[in-house]
PDB file of N, CA and C in Angstrom:
ATOM      1  N   MET A   1     -24.320  76.219-177.404  1.00  0.00           N
ATOM      2  CA  MET A   1     -23.758  77.306-178.157  1.00  0.00           C
ATOM      3  C   MET A   1     -23.084  78.257-177.173  1.00  0.00           C
ATOM      4  N   SER A   2     -21.943  78.807-177.600  1.00  0.00           N
ATOM      5  CA  SER A   2     -21.270  79.784-176.757  1.00  0.00           C
ATOM      6  C   SER A   2     -20.665  80.882-177.625  1.00  0.00           C
ATOM      7  N   TYR A   3     -20.498  82.056-177.014  1.00  0.00           N
ATOM      8  CA  TYR A   3     -19.915  83.206-177.695  1.00  0.00           C
ATOM      9  C   TYR A   3     -19.033  83.940-176.702  1.00  0.00           C
ATOM     10  N   ARG A   4     -17.782  84.182-177.109  1.00  0.00           N
ATOM     11  CA  ARG A   4     -16.852  84.931-176.266  1.00  0.00           C
ATOM     12  C   ARG A   4     -16.253  86.064-177.090  1.00  0.00           C
ATOM     13  N   ILE A   5     -16.040  87.198-176.447  1.00  0.00           N
ATOM     14  CA  ILE A   5     -15.408  88.329-177.114  1.00  0.00           C
ATOM     15  C   ILE A   5     -14.309  88.860-176.206  1.00  0.00           C
ATOM     16  N   GLY A   6     -13.207  89.297-176.821  1.00  0.00           N
ATOM     17  CA  GLY A   6     -12.091  89.808-176.045  1.00  0.00           C
ATOM     18  C   GLY A   6     -11.512  91.057-176.666  1.00  0.00           C
ATOM     19  N   SER A   7     -10.367  91.460-176.190  1.00  0.00           N
ATOM     20  CA  SER A   7      -9.728  92.659-176.719  1.00  0.00           C
ATOM     21  C   SER A   7      -9.330  92.450-178.178  1.00  0.00           C
ATOM     22  N   ASN A   8      -9.107  93.563-178.879  1.00  0.00           N
ATOM     23  CA  ASN A   8      -8.759  93.549-180.301  1.00  0.00           C
ATOM     24  C   ASN A   8      -9.824  92.872-181.156  1.00  0.00           C
ATOM     25  N   ASN A   9     -11.053  92.957-180.695  1.00  0.00           N
ATOM     26  CA  ASN A   9     -12.195  92.359-181.385  1.00  0.00           C
ATOM     27  C   ASN A   9     -11.986  90.860-181.631  1.00  0.00           C
ATOM     28  N   THR A  10     -11.370  90.187-180.671  1.00  0.00           N
ATOM     29  CA  THR A  10     -11.217  88.742-180.749  1.00  0.00           C
ATOM     30  C   THR A  10     -12.563  88.109-180.408  1.00  0.00           C
ATOM     31  N   GLN A  11     -13.038  87.241-181.301  1.00  0.00           N
ATOM     32  CA  GLN A  11     -14.338  86.604-181.110  1.00  0.00           C
ATOM     33  C   GLN A  11     -14.219  85.101-181.313  1.00  0.00           C
ATOM     34  N   ASP A  12     -14.943  84.357-180.500  1.00  0.00           N
ATOM     35  CA  ASP A  12     -14.969  82.907-180.603  1.00  0.00           C
ATOM     36  C   ASP A  12     -16.419  82.448-180.451  1.00  0.00           C
ATOM     37  N   VAL A  13     -16.945  81.835-181.490  1.00  0.00           N
ATOM     38  CA  VAL A  13     -18.334  81.355-181.495  1.00  0.00           C
ATOM     39  C   VAL A  13     -18.300  79.858-181.774  1.00  0.00           C
ATOM     40  N   GLN A  14     -19.036  79.088-180.985  1.00  0.00           N
ATOM     41  CA  GLN A  14     -19.108  77.652-181.255  1.00  0.00           C
ATOM     42  C   GLN A  14     -20.494  77.105-180.961  1.00  0.00           C
ATOM     43  N   ALA A  15     -20.818  76.056-181.702  1.00  0.00           N
ATOM     44  CA  ALA A  15     -22.108  75.385-181.529  1.00  0.00           C
ATOM     45  C   ALA A  15     -21.888  73.889-181.711  1.00  0.00           C
ATOM     46  N   SER A  16     -22.655  73.098-180.984  1.00  0.00           N
ATOM     47  CA  SER A  16     -22.554  71.649-181.138  1.00  0.00           C
ATOM     48  C   SER A  16     -23.915  71.010-180.868  1.00  0.00           C
ATOM     49  N   ILE A  17     -24.083  69.835-181.459  1.00  0.00           N
ATOM     50  CA  ILE A  17     -25.309  69.074-181.256  1.00  0.00           C
ATOM     51  C   ILE A  17     -24.947  67.596-181.239  1.00  0.00           C
ATOM     52  N   LYS A  18     -25.621  66.849-180.379  1.00  0.00           N
ATOM     53  CA  LYS A  18     -25.462  65.397-180.313  1.00  0.00           C
ATOM     54  C   LYS A  18     -26.853  64.799-180.287  1.00  0.00           C
ATOM     55  N   GLN A  19     -27.023  63.703-181.009  1.00  0.00           N
ATOM     56  CA  GLN A  19     -28.320  63.048-181.028  1.00  0.00           C
ATOM     57  C   GLN A  19     -28.117  61.555-181.224  1.00  0.00           C
ATOM     58  N   GLY A  20     -28.965  60.777-180.611  1.00  0.00           N
ATOM     59  CA  GLY A  20     -28.857  59.329-180.724  1.00  0.00           C
ATOM     60  C   GLY A  20     -30.204  58.674-180.938  1.00  0.00           C
ATOM     61  N   PHE A  21     -30.175  57.578-181.645  1.00  0.00           N
ATOM     62  CA  PHE A  21     -31.355  56.749-181.879  1.00  0.00           C
ATOM     63  C   PHE A  21     -31.032  55.358-181.327  1.00  0.00           C
ATOM     64  N   GLU A  22     -31.757  54.350-181.712  1.00  0.00           N
ATOM     65  CA  GLU A  22     -31.506  53.018-181.144  1.00  0.00           C
ATOM     66  C   GLU A  22     -30.075  52.547-181.375  1.00  0.00           C
ATOM     67  N   LYS A  23     -29.633  52.523-182.613  1.00  0.00           N
ATOM     68  CA  LYS A  23     -28.286  52.033-182.908  1.00  0.00           C
ATOM     69  C   LYS A  23     -27.377  53.095-183.499  1.00  0.00           C
ATOM     70  N   LEU A  24     -27.934  54.214-183.868  1.00  0.00           N
ATOM     71  CA  LEU A  24     -27.167  55.256-184.545  1.00  0.00           C
ATOM     72  C   LEU A  24     -27.070  56.498-183.672  1.00  0.00           C
ATOM     73  N   ARG A  25     -25.865  57.057-183.595  1.00  0.00           N
ATOM     74  CA  ARG A  25     -25.646  58.323-182.896  1.00  0.00           C
ATOM     75  C   ARG A  25     -24.787  59.211-183.777  1.00  0.00           C
ATOM     76  N   TYR A  26     -24.927  60.525-183.604  1.00  0.00           N
ATOM     77  CA  TYR A  26     -24.060  61.442-184.336  1.00  0.00           C
ATOM     78  C   TYR A  26     -23.798  62.689-183.496  1.00  0.00           C
ATOM     79  N   ALA A  27     -22.731  63.387-183.860  1.00  0.00           N
ATOM     80  CA  ALA A  27     -22.366  64.626-183.184  1.00  0.00           C
ATOM     81  C   ALA A  27     -21.815  65.584-184.243  1.00  0.00           C
ATOM     82  N   LEU A  28     -22.199  66.852-184.146  1.00  0.00           N
ATOM     83  CA  LEU A  28     -21.712  67.892-185.038  1.00  0.00           C
ATOM     84  C   LEU A  28     -21.184  69.051-184.206  1.00  0.00           C
ATOM     85  N   PHE A  29     -20.094  69.651-184.662  1.00  0.00           N
ATOM     86  CA  PHE A  29     -19.461  70.763-183.957  1.00  0.00           C
ATOM     87  C   PHE A  29     -19.004  71.789-184.987  1.00  0.00           C
ATOM     88  N   ALA A  30     -19.223  73.077-184.705  1.00  0.00           N
ATOM     89  CA  ALA A  30     -18.761  74.153-185.579  1.00  0.00           C
ATOM     90  C   ALA A  30     -18.177  75.271-184.721  1.00  0.00           C
ATOM     91  N   ASN A  31     -17.101  75.902-185.222  1.00  0.00           N
ATOM     92  CA  ASN A  31     -16.429  76.959-184.484  1.00  0.00           C
ATOM     93  C   ASN A  31     -15.944  78.029-185.451  1.00  0.00           C
ATOM     94  N   ARG A  32     -16.056  79.292-185.037  1.00  0.00           N
ATOM     95  CA  ARG A  32     -15.486  80.424-185.778  1.00  0.00           C
ATOM     96  C   ARG A  32     -14.688  81.254-184.790  1.00  0.00           C
ATOM     97  N   ASN A  33     -13.416  81.506-185.119  1.00  0.00           N
ATOM     98  CA  ASN A  33     -12.532  82.283-184.263  1.00  0.00           C
ATOM     99  C   ASN A  33     -11.914  83.377-185.122  1.00  0.00           C
ATOM    100  N   SER A  34     -11.913  84.623-184.624  1.00  0.00           N
ATOM    101  CA  SER A  34     -11.371  85.729-185.418  1.00  0.00           C
ATOM    102  C   SER A  34     -10.789  86.811-184.511  1.00  0.00           C
ATOM    103  N   SER A  35      -9.935  87.656-185.110  1.00  0.00           N
ATOM    104  CA  SER A  35      -9.340  88.771-184.395  1.00  0.00           C
ATOM    105  C   SER A  35      -8.963  89.862-185.392  1.00  0.00           C
ATOM    106  N   ASN A  36      -8.987  91.094-184.933  1.00  0.00           N
ATOM    107  CA  ASN A  36      -8.513  92.209-185.752  1.00  0.00           C
ATOM    108  C   ASN A  36      -6.993  92.311-185.691  1.00  0.00           C
ATOM    109  N   GLY A  37      -6.359  91.454-184.919  1.00  0.00           N
ATOM    110  CA  GLY A  37      -4.919  91.480-184.770  1.00  0.00           C
ATOM    111  C   GLY A  37      -4.487  92.504-183.731  1.00  0.00           C
ATOM    112  N   TYR A  38      -3.197  92.501-183.419  1.00  0.00           N
ATOM    113  CA  TYR A  38      -2.670  93.476-182.459  1.00  0.00           C
ATOM    114  C   TYR A  38      -1.174  93.636-182.667  1.00  0.00           C
ATOM    115  N   ASP A  39      -0.640  94.689-182.094  1.00  0.00           N
ATOM    116  CA  ASP A  39       0.767  95.016-182.245  1.00  0.00           C
ATOM    117  C   ASP A  39       1.370  95.341-180.885  1.00  0.00           C
ATOM    118  N   LEU A  40       2.223  94.464-180.368  1.00  0.00           N
ATOM    119  CA  LEU A  40       2.862  94.669-179.068  1.00  0.00           C
ATOM    120  C   LEU A  40       4.137  95.507-179.176  1.00  0.00           C
ATOM    121  N   THR A  41       4.666  95.628-180.396  1.00  0.00           N
ATOM    122  CA  THR A  41       5.899  96.411-180.604  1.00  0.00           C
ATOM    123  C   THR A  41       5.690  97.375-181.767  1.00  0.00           C
ATOM    124  N   PRO A  42       5.006  98.500-181.521  1.00  0.00           N
ATOM    125  CA  PRO A  42       4.713  99.432-182.608  1.00  0.00           C
ATOM    126  C   PRO A  42       5.959 100.048-183.248  1.00  0.00           C
ATOM    127  N   GLU A  43       7.095  99.996-182.544  1.00  0.00           N
ATOM    128  CA  GLU A  43       8.316 100.554-183.123  1.00  0.00           C
ATOM    129  C   GLU A  43       8.895  99.652-184.227  1.00  0.00           C
ATOM    130  N   ASN A  44       8.475  98.392-184.273  1.00  0.00           N
ATOM    131  CA  ASN A  44       8.916  97.453-185.312  1.00  0.00           C
ATOM    132  C   ASN A  44       7.885  97.377-186.427  1.00  0.00           C
ATOM    133  N   GLU A  45       8.367  97.082-187.624  1.00  0.00           N
ATOM    134  CA  GLU A  45       7.455  96.958-188.762  1.00  0.00           C
ATOM    135  C   GLU A  45       6.595  95.707-188.619  1.00  0.00           C
ATOM    136  N   GLY A  46       5.343  95.806-189.013  1.00  0.00           N
ATOM    137  CA  GLY A  46       4.422  94.670-188.961  1.00  0.00           C
ATOM    138  C   GLY A  46       3.749  94.541-187.610  1.00  0.00           C
ATOM    139  N   GLN A  47       2.723  93.703-187.588  1.00  0.00           N
ATOM    140  CA  GLN A  47       1.971  93.458-186.366  1.00  0.00           C
ATOM    141  C   GLN A  47       2.465  92.190-185.679  1.00  0.00           C
ATOM    142  N   THR A  48       2.260  92.101-184.378  1.00  0.00           N
ATOM    143  CA  THR A  48       2.568  90.883-183.641  1.00  0.00           C
ATOM    144  C   THR A  48       1.662  89.756-184.114  1.00  0.00           C
ATOM    145  N   VAL A  49       0.359  90.022-184.208  1.00  0.00           N
ATOM    146  CA  VAL A  49      -0.608  89.072-184.753  1.00  0.00           C
ATOM    147  C   VAL A  49      -1.429  89.813-185.793  1.00  0.00           C
ATOM    148  N   ASN A  50      -1.414  89.313-187.032  1.00  0.00           N
ATOM    149  CA  ASN A  50      -2.199  89.911-188.102  1.00  0.00           C
ATOM    150  C   ASN A  50      -3.671  89.533-187.954  1.00  0.00           C
ATOM    151  N   PRO A  51      -4.580  90.322-188.534  1.00  0.00           N
ATOM    152  CA  PRO A  51      -6.001  89.959-188.506  1.00  0.00           C
ATOM    153  C   PRO A  51      -6.214  88.569-189.128  1.00  0.00           C
ATOM    154  N   PHE A  52      -7.111  87.808-188.541  1.00  0.00           N
ATOM    155  CA  PHE A  52      -7.383  86.457-189.053  1.00  0.00           C
ATOM    156  C   PHE A  52      -8.815  86.055-188.754  1.00  0.00           C
ATOM    157  N   VAL A  53      -9.252  85.036-189.466  1.00  0.00           N
ATOM    158  CA  VAL A  53     -10.519  84.350-189.179  1.00  0.00           C
ATOM    159  C   VAL A  53     -10.303  82.884-189.524  1.00  0.00           C
ATOM    160  N   ASN A  54     -10.765  81.982-188.651  1.00  0.00           N
ATOM    161  CA  ASN A  54     -10.691  80.567-188.980  1.00  0.00           C
ATOM    162  C   ASN A  54     -11.978  79.854-188.598  1.00  0.00           C
ATOM    163  N   TYR A  55     -12.219  78.766-189.302  1.00  0.00           N
ATOM    164  CA  TYR A  55     -13.434  77.973-189.133  1.00  0.00           C
ATOM    165  C   TYR A  55     -13.037  76.513-188.926  1.00  0.00           C
ATOM    166  N   THR A  56     -13.741  75.839-188.035  1.00  0.00           N
ATOM    167  CA  THR A  56     -13.575  74.407-187.833  1.00  0.00           C
ATOM    168  C   THR A  56     -14.961  73.768-187.816  1.00  0.00           C
ATOM    169  N   VAL A  57     -15.111  72.688-188.569  1.00  0.00           N
ATOM    170  CA  VAL A  57     -16.352  71.909-188.580  1.00  0.00           C
ATOM    171  C   VAL A  57     -15.961  70.450-188.382  1.00  0.00           C
ATOM    172  N   LYS A  58     -16.647  69.771-187.470  1.00  0.00           N
ATOM    173  CA  LYS A  58     -16.346  68.370-187.202  1.00  0.00           C
ATOM    174  C   LYS A  58     -17.640  67.582-187.115  1.00  0.00           C
ATOM    175  N   GLY A  59     -17.630  66.404-187.692  1.00  0.00           N
ATOM    176  CA  GLY A  59     -18.774  65.499-187.619  1.00  0.00           C
ATOM    177  C   GLY A  59     -18.313  64.112-187.219  1.00  0.00           C
ATOM    178  N   ARG A  60     -19.142  63.440-186.470  1.00  0.00           N
ATOM    179  CA  ARG A  60     -18.816  62.080-186.038  1.00  0.00           C
ATOM    180  C   ARG A  60     -20.102  61.263-186.040  1.00  0.00           C
ATOM    181  N   VAL A  61     -19.988  60.022-186.483  1.00  0.00           N
ATOM    182  CA  VAL A  61     -21.147  59.125-186.505  1.00  0.00           C
ATOM    183  C   VAL A  61     -20.735  57.785-185.887  1.00  0.00           C
ATOM    184  N   TYR A  62     -21.649  57.186-185.150  1.00  0.00           N
ATOM    185  CA  TYR A  62     -21.433  55.900-184.487  1.00  0.00           C
ATOM    186  C   TYR A  62     -22.591  54.977-184.856  1.00  0.00           C
ATOM    187  N   TYR A  63     -22.282  53.701-185.088  1.00  0.00           N
ATOM    188  CA  TYR A  63     -23.341  52.726-185.328  1.00  0.00           C
ATOM    189  C   TYR A  63     -23.021  51.460-184.546  1.00  0.00           C
ATOM    190  N   ASN A  64     -23.971  51.022-183.740  1.00  0.00           N
ATOM    191  CA  ASN A  64     -23.824  49.796-182.959  1.00  0.00           C
ATOM    192  C   ASN A  64     -24.530  48.652-183.670  1.00  0.00           C
ATOM    193  N   PHE A  65     -23.744  47.720-184.200  1.00  0.00           N
ATOM    194  CA  PHE A  65     -24.324  46.547-184.850  1.00  0.00           C
ATOM    195  C   PHE A  65     -24.837  45.565-183.808  1.00  0.00           C
ATOM    196  N   SER A  66     -24.089  45.446-182.724  1.00  0.00           N
ATOM    197  CA  SER A  66     -24.475  44.556-181.623  1.00  0.00           C
ATOM    198  C   SER A  66     -23.761  45.036-180.353  1.00  0.00           C
ATOM    199  N   TYR A  67     -23.918  44.285-179.299  1.00  0.00           N
ATOM    200  CA  TYR A  67     -23.271  44.636-178.040  1.00  0.00           C
ATOM    201  C   TYR A  67     -21.748  44.640-178.174  1.00  0.00           C
ATOM    202  N   LYS A  68     -21.211  43.751-179.024  1.00  0.00           N
ATOM    203  CA  LYS A  68     -19.763  43.608-179.154  1.00  0.00           C
ATOM    204  C   LYS A  68     -19.179  44.260-180.404  1.00  0.00           C
ATOM    205  N   LEU A  69     -20.012  44.728-181.318  1.00  0.00           N
ATOM    206  CA  LEU A  69     -19.496  45.265-182.572  1.00  0.00           C
ATOM    207  C   LEU A  69     -20.097  46.641-182.868  1.00  0.00           C
ATOM    208  N   SER A  70     -19.233  47.625-183.024  1.00  0.00           N
ATOM    209  CA  SER A  70     -19.682  48.968-183.371  1.00  0.00           C
ATOM    210  C   SER A  70     -18.711  49.582-184.379  1.00  0.00           C
ATOM    211  N   LEU A  71     -19.178  50.607-185.048  1.00  0.00           N
ATOM    212  CA  LEU A  71     -18.377  51.300-186.055  1.00  0.00           C
ATOM    213  C   LEU A  71     -18.532  52.796-185.850  1.00  0.00           C
ATOM    214  N   SER A  72     -17.431  53.511-185.965  1.00  0.00           N
ATOM    215  CA  SER A  72     -17.511  54.962-185.859  1.00  0.00           C
ATOM    216  C   SER A  72     -16.607  55.592-186.912  1.00  0.00           C
ATOM    217  N   GLY A  73     -16.959  56.794-187.304  1.00  0.00           N
ATOM    218  CA  GLY A  73     -16.158  57.537-188.265  1.00  0.00           C
ATOM    219  C   GLY A  73     -16.300  59.018-187.982  1.00  0.00           C
ATOM    220  N   SER A  74     -15.277  59.766-188.358  1.00  0.00           N
ATOM    221  CA  SER A  74     -15.337  61.201-188.125  1.00  0.00           C
ATOM    222  C   SER A  74     -14.584  61.933-189.230  1.00  0.00           C
ATOM    223  N   ALA A  75     -14.916  63.196-189.379  1.00  0.00           N
ATOM    224  CA  ALA A  75     -14.242  64.057-190.345  1.00  0.00           C
ATOM    225  C   ALA A  75     -14.129  65.446-189.738  1.00  0.00           C
ATOM    226  N   ARG A  76     -13.045  66.137-190.087  1.00  0.00           N
ATOM    227  CA  ARG A  76     -12.817  67.476-189.559  1.00  0.00           C
ATOM    228  C   ARG A  76     -12.308  68.360-190.688  1.00  0.00           C
ATOM    229  N   LEU A  77     -12.853  69.561-190.766  1.00  0.00           N
ATOM    230  CA  LEU A  77     -12.452  70.534-191.769  1.00  0.00           C
ATOM    231  C   LEU A  77     -12.012  71.802-191.061  1.00  0.00           C
ATOM    232  N   TYR A  78     -10.844  72.311-191.448  1.00  0.00           N
ATOM    233  CA  TYR A  78     -10.309  73.539-190.860  1.00  0.00           C
ATOM    234  C   TYR A  78      -9.912  74.475-191.991  1.00  0.00           C
ATOM    235  N   ASP A  79     -10.289  75.743-191.871  1.00  0.00           N
ATOM    236  CA  ASP A  79      -9.941  76.742-192.874  1.00  0.00           C
ATOM    237  C   ASP A  79      -9.538  78.019-192.156  1.00  0.00           C
ATOM    238  N   GLN A  80      -8.450  78.644-192.611  1.00  0.00           N
ATOM    239  CA  GLN A  80      -7.994  79.886-191.990  1.00  0.00           C
ATOM    240  C   GLN A  80      -7.645  80.902-193.070  1.00  0.00           C
ATOM    241  N   GLU A  81      -8.040  82.131-192.825  1.00  0.00           N
ATOM    242  CA  GLU A  81      -7.651  83.260-193.665  1.00  0.00           C
ATOM    243  C   GLU A  81      -6.926  84.249-192.765  1.00  0.00           C
ATOM    244  N   GLN A  82      -5.748  84.675-193.198  1.00  0.00           N
ATOM    245  CA  GLN A  82      -4.970  85.612-192.394  1.00  0.00           C
ATOM    246  C   GLN A  82      -4.400  86.694-193.305  1.00  0.00           C
ATOM    247  N   GLU A  83      -4.555  87.931-192.852  1.00  0.00           N
ATOM    248  CA  GLU A  83      -3.983  89.045-193.589  1.00  0.00           C
ATOM    249  C   GLU A  83      -2.512  89.154-193.219  1.00  0.00           C
ATOM    250  N   ALA A  84      -1.659  89.064-194.217  1.00  0.00           N
ATOM    251  CA  ALA A  84      -0.217  89.172-193.967  1.00  0.00           C
ATOM    252  C   ALA A  84       0.410  90.013-195.054  1.00  0.00           C
ATOM    253  N   ALA A  85       1.130  91.006-194.654  1.00  0.00           N
ATOM    254  CA  ALA A  85       1.830  91.870-195.606  1.00  0.00           C
ATOM    255  C   ALA A  85       3.264  91.389-195.723  1.00  0.00           C
ATOM    256  N   LEU A  86       3.542  90.632-196.773  1.00  0.00           N
ATOM    257  CA  LEU A  86       4.917  90.156-196.987  1.00  0.00           C
ATOM    258  C   LEU A  86       5.655  91.180-197.839  1.00  0.00           C
ATOM    259  N   ARG A  87       6.849  91.511-197.408  1.00  0.00           N
ATOM    260  CA  ARG A  87       7.646  92.489-198.159  1.00  0.00           C
ATOM    261  C   ARG A  87       9.005  91.947-198.461  1.00  0.00           C
TER     262      ARG A  87
END
């Protein structure tokens, strides 16, 4: 697990786990990244980067049928919410 924080309340949190048995292994990963946004050109309308939060979740599974035959599969989900003032 790790946690990082930066300017403009930028935060990045992630966690992962891996585990294996005789023929079966799996791995899980989760991440949350967010920011309050920032404005590099205050004289212009709008922000350079609007506030946002995004999430990523990934899972992977492996199965070894034999020394020469194995199967693996994975899935990934990503979701983002961003505040944007469209005019």
